[in-house]
Amino acid sequence: MHKMSFSVAKQREQTAVVTMQNESFNTMTLRDDADPLAPQREAAFFYGLFLRGHSLDALRQDIDVPRVVADKWVRAKDFTGAFRADLDRVYQYRKRVLAIFDGLVSNEQSQFHLQ
């Protein structure tokens, strides 16, 4: 089993935060309001990667907000007002995308077992 060093784990956590800030804050809030199908589209994108052989666990980690990050958001005293509301929207959006993705994978796996 592959063990990740602390520095690599810390780097992945920081990358997840930066990615979420860049992608979700810049596009999610506008797209989510204007396009109610945005979570389905994003889940479909990740599902396509899964079908092409990408690791299920790695994709789930890319979609989800790590618990450590969510806890930091809750504890941060400088995250107030509208920014905290945006963080909550990002968190809910990521969880929605993850649930849709899990449904797609589950459906694929059940169809595979039936054949």
C-alpha atoms as a PDB file:
ATOM      1  CA  MET A   1       0.000   0.000   0.000  1.00  0.00           C
ATOM      2  CA  HIS A   2       1.312   3.448  -0.913  1.00  0.00           C
ATOM      3  CA  LYS A   3       1.873   5.822   2.000  1.00  0.00           C
ATOM      4  CA  MET A   4       1.840   9.502   1.265  1.00  0.00           C
ATOM      5  CA  SER A   5       4.425  11.673   3.059  1.00  0.00           C
ATOM      6  CA  PHE A   6       3.175  14.564   5.173  1.00  0.00           C
ATOM      7  CA  SER A   7       4.548  17.164   2.760  1.00  0.00           C
ATOM      8  CA  VAL A   8       2.841  15.501  -0.216  1.00  0.00           C
ATOM      9  CA  ALA A   9      -0.449  15.294   1.706  1.00  0.00           C
ATOM     10  CA  LYS A  10      -0.131  18.972   2.675  1.00  0.00           C
ATOM     11  CA  GLN A  11       0.601  19.915  -0.937  1.00  0.00           C
ATOM     12  CA  ARG A  12      -2.484  17.998  -2.163  1.00  0.00           C
ATOM     13  CA  GLU A  13      -4.610  19.786   0.436  1.00  0.00           C
ATOM     14  CA  GLN A  14      -3.289  23.176  -0.648  1.00  0.00           C
ATOM     15  CA  THR A  15      -3.795  22.276  -4.304  1.00  0.00           C
ATOM     16  CA  ALA A  16      -7.398  21.279  -3.595  1.00  0.00           C
ATOM     17  CA  VAL A  17      -8.047  24.606  -1.904  1.00  0.00           C
ATOM     18  CA  VAL A  18      -6.446  26.642  -4.684  1.00  0.00           C
ATOM     19  CA  THR A  19      -8.270  24.641  -7.354  1.00  0.00           C
ATOM     20  CA  MET A  20     -11.580  25.117  -5.609  1.00  0.00           C
ATOM     21  CA  GLN A  21     -10.961  28.813  -5.117  1.00  0.00           C
ATOM     22  CA  ASN A  22      -9.943  29.345  -8.727  1.00  0.00           C
ATOM     23  CA  GLU A  23     -12.549  27.165 -10.406  1.00  0.00           C
ATOM     24  CA  SER A  24     -15.475  27.208  -8.044  1.00  0.00           C
ATOM     25  CA  PHE A  25     -15.443  30.858  -7.018  1.00  0.00           C
ATOM     26  CA  ASN A  26     -14.832  32.135 -10.506  1.00  0.00           C
ATOM     27  CA  THR A  27     -17.257  29.886 -12.357  1.00  0.00           C
ATOM     28  CA  MET A  28     -19.486  27.995  -9.941  1.00  0.00           C
ATOM     29  CA  THR A  29     -21.331  30.949  -8.488  1.00  0.00           C
ATOM     30  CA  LEU A  30     -22.153  32.430 -11.878  1.00  0.00           C
ATOM     31  CA  ARG A  31     -22.773  29.135 -13.627  1.00  0.00           C
ATOM     32  CA  ASP A  32     -24.711  27.591 -10.728  1.00  0.00           C
ATOM     33  CA  ASP A  33     -27.180  30.475 -10.704  1.00  0.00           C
ATOM     34  CA  ALA A  34     -27.509  30.571 -14.486  1.00  0.00           C
ATOM     35  CA  ASP A  35     -27.260  26.839 -15.208  1.00  0.00           C
ATOM     36  CA  PRO A  36     -29.008  24.448 -12.820  1.00  0.00           C
ATOM     37  CA  LEU A  37     -27.460  21.544 -14.731  1.00  0.00           C
ATOM     38  CA  ALA A  38     -23.886  22.625 -13.916  1.00  0.00           C
ATOM     39  CA  PRO A  39     -23.406  19.957 -11.203  1.00  0.00           C
ATOM     40  CA  GLN A  40     -24.615  17.255 -13.603  1.00  0.00           C
ATOM     41  CA  ARG A  41     -22.254  18.483 -16.306  1.00  0.00           C
ATOM     42  CA  GLU A  42     -19.292  18.468 -13.964  1.00  0.00           C
ATOM     43  CA  ALA A  43     -20.167  15.026 -12.620  1.00  0.00           C
ATOM     44  CA  ALA A  44     -20.445  13.779 -16.212  1.00  0.00           C
ATOM     45  CA  PHE A  45     -16.965  15.168 -16.925  1.00  0.00           C
ATOM     46  CA  PHE A  46     -15.493  13.211 -14.002  1.00  0.00           C
ATOM     47  CA  TYR A  47     -17.519  10.142 -14.991  1.00  0.00           C
ATOM     48  CA  GLY A  48     -15.925  10.319 -18.444  1.00  0.00           C
ATOM     49  CA  LEU A  49     -12.504  10.274 -16.791  1.00  0.00           C
ATOM     50  CA  PHE A  50     -13.584   7.252 -14.746  1.00  0.00           C
ATOM     51  CA  LEU A  51     -14.657   5.435 -17.925  1.00  0.00           C
ATOM     52  CA  ARG A  52     -11.242   6.187 -19.406  1.00  0.00           C
ATOM     53  CA  GLY A  53      -9.543   4.360 -16.536  1.00  0.00           C
ATOM     54  CA  HIS A  54      -8.830   7.069 -13.978  1.00  0.00           C
ATOM     55  CA  SER A  55      -8.860   5.892 -10.377  1.00  0.00           C
ATOM     56  CA  LEU A  56     -12.253   6.112  -8.662  1.00  0.00           C
ATOM     57  CA  ASP A  57     -10.657   7.141  -5.373  1.00  0.00           C
ATOM     58  CA  ALA A  58      -8.531   9.823  -7.009  1.00  0.00           C
ATOM     59  CA  LEU A  59     -11.545  11.264  -8.830  1.00  0.00           C
ATOM     60  CA  ARG A  60     -13.637  11.273  -5.653  1.00  0.00           C
ATOM     61  CA  GLN A  61     -10.819  13.153  -3.889  1.00  0.00           C
ATOM     62  CA  ASP A  62     -10.653  15.675  -6.731  1.00  0.00           C
ATOM     63  CA  ILE A  63     -14.392  16.329  -6.496  1.00  0.00           C
ATOM     64  CA  ASP A  64     -14.846  16.364  -2.722  1.00  0.00           C
ATOM     65  CA  VAL A  65     -13.872  18.993  -0.180  1.00  0.00           C
ATOM     66  CA  PRO A  66     -11.485  17.278   2.241  1.00  0.00           C
ATOM     67  CA  ARG A  67     -12.802  17.225   5.828  1.00  0.00           C
ATOM     68  CA  VAL A  68      -9.639  19.004   7.017  1.00  0.00           C
ATOM     69  CA  VAL A  69     -10.294  21.885   4.594  1.00  0.00           C
ATOM     70  CA  ALA A  70     -13.976  22.148   5.523  1.00  0.00           C
ATOM     71  CA  ASP A  71     -13.027  22.260   9.218  1.00  0.00           C
ATOM     72  CA  LYS A  72     -10.512  25.039   8.530  1.00  0.00           C
ATOM     73  CA  TRP A  73     -13.205  27.016   6.731  1.00  0.00           C
ATOM     74  CA  VAL A  74     -15.525  26.696   9.711  1.00  0.00           C
ATOM     75  CA  ARG A  75     -12.838  27.705  12.234  1.00  0.00           C
ATOM     76  CA  ALA A  76     -11.383  30.616  10.253  1.00  0.00           C
ATOM     77  CA  LYS A  77     -12.253  33.871  11.954  1.00  0.00           C
ATOM     78  CA  ASP A  78     -11.422  36.028   8.923  1.00  0.00           C
ATOM     79  CA  PHE A  79     -14.002  34.232   6.738  1.00  0.00           C
ATOM     80  CA  THR A  80     -17.104  36.283   7.411  1.00  0.00           C
ATOM     81  CA  GLY A  81     -20.237  37.510   5.714  1.00  0.00           C
ATOM     82  CA  ALA A  82     -20.585  36.960   1.984  1.00  0.00           C
ATOM     83  CA  PHE A  83     -17.292  35.047   1.741  1.00  0.00           C
ATOM     84  CA  ARG A  84     -18.451  32.496   4.300  1.00  0.00           C
ATOM     85  CA  ALA A  85     -21.731  32.165   2.389  1.00  0.00           C
ATOM     86  CA  ASP A  86     -19.727  31.556  -0.804  1.00  0.00           C
ATOM     87  CA  LEU A  87     -17.687  28.871   0.981  1.00  0.00           C
ATOM     88  CA  ASP A  88     -20.911  27.186   2.045  1.00  0.00           C
ATOM     89  CA  ARG A  89     -22.197  27.301  -1.535  1.00  0.00           C
ATOM     90  CA  VAL A  90     -18.931  25.799  -2.809  1.00  0.00           C
ATOM     91  CA  TYR A  91     -19.116  23.051  -0.199  1.00  0.00           C
ATOM     92  CA  GLN A  92     -22.740  22.216  -1.056  1.00  0.00           C
ATOM     93  CA  TYR A  93     -21.970  22.326  -4.791  1.00  0.00           C
ATOM     94  CA  ARG A  94     -18.992  19.940  -4.442  1.00  0.00           C
ATOM     95  CA  LYS A  95     -21.100  17.517  -2.380  1.00  0.00           C
ATOM     96  CA  ARG A  96     -23.868  17.663  -5.013  1.00  0.00           C
ATOM     97  CA  VAL A  97     -21.370  16.905  -7.800  1.00  0.00           C
ATOM     98  CA  LEU A  98     -19.921  14.045  -5.752  1.00  0.00           C
ATOM     99  CA  ALA A  99     -23.370  12.540  -5.118  1.00  0.00           C
ATOM    100  CA  ILE A 100     -24.227  12.679  -8.826  1.00  0.00           C
ATOM    101  CA  PHE A 101     -20.846  11.171  -9.748  1.00  0.00           C
ATOM    102  CA  ASP A 102     -21.304   8.367  -7.200  1.00  0.00           C
ATOM    103  CA  GLY A 103     -24.741   7.662  -8.682  1.00  0.00           C
ATOM    104  CA  LEU A 104     -23.296   7.399 -12.183  1.00  0.00           C
ATOM    105  CA  VAL A 105     -20.529   5.062 -11.031  1.00  0.00           C
ATOM    106  CA  SER A 106     -22.960   2.954  -9.021  1.00  0.00           C
ATOM    107  CA  ASN A 107     -25.243   2.650 -12.038  1.00  0.00           C
ATOM    108  CA  GLU A 108     -22.290   1.653 -14.251  1.00  0.00           C
ATOM    109  CA  GLN A 109     -21.130  -0.964 -11.760  1.00  0.00           C
ATOM    110  CA  SER A 110     -24.616  -2.451 -11.368  1.00  0.00           C
ATOM    111  CA  GLN A 111     -25.002  -2.689 -15.151  1.00  0.00           C
ATOM    112  CA  PHE A 112     -21.587  -4.328 -15.427  1.00  0.00           C
ATOM    113  CA  HIS A 113     -22.548  -6.960 -12.827  1.00  0.00           C
ATOM    114  CA  LEU A 114     -25.823  -7.727 -14.626  1.00  0.00           C
ATOM    115  CA  GLN A 115     -24.128  -8.504 -17.934  1.00  0.00           C
END
